Amino acid sequence: FWGDEAWTALISQFPLREILRITGEDFHPPAYYFLVHGFIKLFGASEWIRLISIVFFLLTPLLVYFLTKKLADIKLGLIAAVVVAMSPILFTYAFEARAYAMVAFISALTALMFWQAITTRRWGWWLAYWLAGSMGVYTHYYMWFILAGQGFYWLMVDRKQFWRVLAVYGGILLTQLPWLPV
């Protein structure tokens, strides 16, 4: 492990309440550390915790494929998935025990859920978007920028679902209210 990975492995071994306290004094919210904590409980503390990032890395191009296929076609979906899989920074973070591959996955997931929600107008997709967005803001603070970008798209293209969008974004904010003082 290098420095930050060692930090992840170390604090993820503590009880959940202690992880909350420590991450409250750290730079990142606790979701990834909770996930690593569960992995350690099942498989032990070792370099294998990097497997979590590898799984998120492998799933991200799949989500990009499905999203791009919905926006364009299968061929462009395949191209987009390959480009994402070959992204040097994403590939680098795929092998580190840090939250960045998870954030990339959740970003792609929220984009797909958002697109489904605004095109189908079904509450089930908005609920899925709320859940993914809530998980995202508890994984990395930059997730708010991803959500803001999706909200900006909605404002520019389809304002017909104003109350639904307001409810979902308000729900994500409410979900993070307990963490805001930290």
Protein backbone atom coordinates (compact mmCIF):
# COMPACT_ATOMS: atom_id res chain seq x y z
CA PHE A 1 0.00 0.00 0.00
CA TRP A 2 1.05 3.57 -0.57
CA GLY A 3 0.12 6.29 1.96
CA ASP A 4 -3.55 6.97 1.18
CA GLU A 5 -4.31 3.29 0.60
CA ALA A 6 -2.75 2.43 3.94
CA TRP A 7 -4.96 5.08 5.53
CA THR A 8 -8.03 3.51 3.88
CA ALA A 9 -7.05 0.02 5.07
CA LEU A 10 -6.30 1.23 8.57
CA ILE A 11 -9.44 3.22 9.34
CA SER A 12 -11.70 0.71 7.57
CA GLN A 13 -10.79 -1.86 10.22
CA PHE A 14 -12.33 0.21 13.03
CA PRO A 15 -15.97 -0.12 14.15
CA LEU A 16 -18.47 1.82 12.01
CA ARG A 17 -19.01 4.49 14.67
CA GLU A 18 -15.25 5.11 14.82
CA ILE A 19 -15.06 5.23 11.01
CA LEU A 20 -17.73 7.96 11.09
CA ARG A 21 -15.73 9.95 13.62
CA ILE A 22 -12.44 9.57 11.74
CA THR A 23 -13.90 10.36 8.31
CA GLY A 24 -15.55 13.39 9.85
CA GLU A 25 -12.03 14.69 10.42
CA ASP A 26 -10.78 13.49 7.00
CA PHE A 27 -11.32 14.83 3.50
CA HIS A 28 -13.82 12.21 2.28
CA PRO A 29 -17.27 11.05 3.39
CA PRO A 30 -17.63 7.52 4.85
CA ALA A 31 -19.39 5.35 2.21
CA TYR A 32 -16.25 3.88 0.63
CA TYR A 33 -14.71 3.20 4.03
CA PHE A 34 -17.89 1.37 5.09
CA LEU A 35 -17.67 -0.76 1.95
CA VAL A 36 -14.02 -1.60 2.65
CA HIS A 37 -14.96 -2.32 6.27
CA GLY A 38 -17.49 -4.93 5.09
CA PHE A 39 -14.94 -6.42 2.69
CA ILE A 40 -12.37 -6.69 5.50
CA LYS A 41 -14.93 -8.39 7.75
CA LEU A 42 -15.54 -11.00 5.05
CA PHE A 43 -12.07 -11.50 3.59
CA GLY A 44 -9.57 -9.94 5.97
CA ALA A 45 -7.32 -6.90 5.70
CA SER A 46 -4.88 -7.18 2.81
CA GLU A 47 -4.06 -5.69 -0.56
CA TRP A 48 -7.14 -7.53 -1.83
CA ILE A 49 -9.26 -4.55 -0.80
CA ARG A 50 -8.14 -3.12 -4.15
CA LEU A 51 -10.54 -5.62 -5.72
CA ILE A 52 -13.39 -3.25 -4.80
CA SER A 53 -11.97 -0.59 -7.13
CA ILE A 54 -11.36 -3.14 -9.87
CA VAL A 55 -15.02 -4.21 -9.75
CA PHE A 56 -16.22 -0.60 -9.98
CA PHE A 57 -13.77 0.02 -12.83
CA LEU A 58 -15.11 -2.99 -14.76
CA LEU A 59 -18.74 -1.98 -14.21
CA THR A 60 -18.32 1.67 -15.24
CA PRO A 61 -17.81 1.05 -18.99
CA LEU A 62 -20.83 -1.25 -18.90
CA LEU A 63 -23.00 1.57 -17.55
CA VAL A 64 -21.52 3.98 -20.10
CA TYR A 65 -22.38 1.48 -22.83
CA PHE A 66 -26.04 1.25 -21.71
CA LEU A 67 -26.36 5.02 -21.38
CA THR A 68 -24.74 5.77 -24.74
CA LYS A 69 -26.81 3.05 -26.41
CA LYS A 70 -29.95 4.82 -25.14
CA LEU A 71 -28.69 8.21 -26.31
CA ALA A 72 -27.36 7.07 -29.70
CA ASP A 73 -26.90 3.46 -30.81
CA ILE A 74 -25.10 0.21 -30.05
CA LYS A 75 -22.00 1.08 -32.09
CA LEU A 76 -21.45 4.39 -30.31
CA GLY A 77 -22.19 2.64 -27.00
CA LEU A 78 -19.38 0.17 -27.66
CA ILE A 79 -16.99 2.94 -28.65
CA ALA A 80 -17.84 4.97 -25.54
CA ALA A 81 -17.36 1.91 -23.30
CA VAL A 82 -13.95 1.18 -24.81
CA VAL A 83 -12.86 4.83 -24.45
CA VAL A 84 -13.90 4.84 -20.79
CA ALA A 85 -12.18 1.49 -20.14
CA MET A 86 -8.98 2.88 -21.68
CA SER A 87 -9.07 6.12 -19.70
CA PRO A 88 -5.61 6.41 -18.13
CA ILE A 89 -6.79 8.04 -14.92
CA LEU A 90 -9.68 5.62 -14.43
CA PHE A 91 -7.36 2.70 -15.19
CA THR A 92 -4.87 4.00 -12.61
CA TYR A 93 -7.55 4.32 -9.92
CA ALA A 94 -8.89 0.86 -10.74
CA PHE A 95 -5.95 -0.60 -8.85
CA GLU A 96 -5.93 1.68 -5.83
CA ALA A 97 -7.81 1.19 -2.59
CA ARG A 98 -9.44 4.61 -2.83
CA ALA A 99 -12.96 5.81 -3.62
CA TYR A 100 -12.29 7.22 -7.10
CA ALA A 101 -13.38 4.18 -9.16
CA MET A 102 -16.53 4.02 -7.05
CA VAL A 103 -17.24 7.70 -7.77
CA ALA A 104 -16.79 7.10 -11.50
CA PHE A 105 -19.22 4.18 -11.31
CA ILE A 106 -21.81 6.16 -9.33
CA SER A 107 -21.43 9.10 -11.73
CA ALA A 108 -22.23 6.84 -14.68
CA LEU A 109 -25.04 5.23 -12.69
CA THR A 110 -26.65 8.57 -11.84
CA ALA A 111 -26.38 9.66 -15.47
CA LEU A 112 -28.20 6.50 -16.58
CA MET A 113 -30.85 6.78 -13.83
CA PHE A 114 -31.31 10.48 -14.60
CA TRP A 115 -31.81 9.80 -18.29
CA GLN A 116 -34.31 7.04 -17.55
CA ALA A 117 -36.16 9.28 -15.12
CA ILE A 118 -36.53 12.27 -17.43
CA THR A 119 -37.45 10.17 -20.48
CA THR A 120 -39.88 7.72 -18.86
CA ARG A 121 -41.23 10.16 -16.25
CA ARG A 122 -41.63 7.27 -13.81
CA TRP A 123 -41.16 7.78 -10.08
CA GLY A 124 -39.26 4.49 -9.81
CA TRP A 125 -36.39 5.92 -11.86
CA TRP A 126 -36.41 9.12 -9.82
CA LEU A 127 -36.19 6.99 -6.68
CA ALA A 128 -33.25 5.07 -8.18
CA TYR A 129 -31.61 8.40 -9.07
CA TRP A 130 -32.13 9.66 -5.51
CA LEU A 131 -30.57 6.51 -4.05
CA ALA A 132 -27.57 6.61 -6.40
CA GLY A 133 -27.10 10.35 -5.88
CA SER A 134 -27.29 9.94 -2.11
CA MET A 135 -24.70 7.17 -2.22
CA GLY A 136 -22.55 9.38 -4.43
CA VAL A 137 -22.50 12.37 -2.07
CA TYR A 138 -21.53 10.04 0.77
CA THR A 139 -18.67 8.69 -1.37
CA HIS A 140 -17.04 11.92 -2.55
CA TYR A 141 -17.95 15.58 -2.28
CA TYR A 142 -17.29 16.15 -5.99
CA MET A 143 -20.45 14.15 -6.65
CA TRP A 144 -22.38 17.39 -6.10
CA PHE A 145 -20.77 18.73 -9.29
CA ILE A 146 -21.96 15.68 -11.24
CA LEU A 147 -25.49 16.11 -9.89
CA ALA A 148 -25.38 19.84 -10.61
CA GLY A 149 -24.37 19.13 -14.20
CA GLN A 150 -27.29 16.76 -14.60
CA GLY A 151 -29.60 19.34 -13.03
CA PHE A 152 -28.28 22.01 -15.37
CA TYR A 153 -29.07 19.76 -18.34
CA TRP A 154 -32.59 19.31 -17.01
CA LEU A 155 -33.01 23.10 -16.62
CA MET A 156 -31.89 23.68 -20.20
CA VAL A 157 -33.87 20.87 -21.86
CA ASP A 158 -36.87 19.62 -19.90
CA ARG A 159 -38.35 21.75 -17.12
CA LYS A 160 -41.73 20.01 -17.24
CA GLN A 161 -40.94 17.78 -14.28
CA PHE A 162 -40.01 20.64 -11.98
CA TRP A 163 -41.59 19.29 -8.79
CA ARG A 164 -40.19 15.80 -9.27
CA VAL A 165 -36.68 17.11 -9.86
CA LEU A 166 -36.96 19.51 -6.93
CA ALA A 167 -38.17 16.65 -4.71
CA VAL A 168 -35.30 14.37 -5.75
CA TYR A 169 -32.57 16.99 -5.34
CA GLY A 170 -34.13 18.08 -2.06
CA GLY A 171 -34.17 14.42 -1.00
CA ILE A 172 -30.48 14.03 -1.79
CA LEU A 173 -29.73 17.16 0.22
CA LEU A 174 -31.88 15.88 3.12
CA THR A 175 -30.04 12.58 2.96
CA GLN A 176 -26.77 14.41 3.47
CA LEU A 177 -28.06 16.75 6.20
CA PRO A 178 -26.66 14.60 9.02
CA TRP A 179 -23.21 14.90 7.43
CA LEU A 180 -23.33 18.66 6.72
CA PRO A 181 -22.06 19.74 10.16
CA VAL A 182 -19.02 17.55 9.58
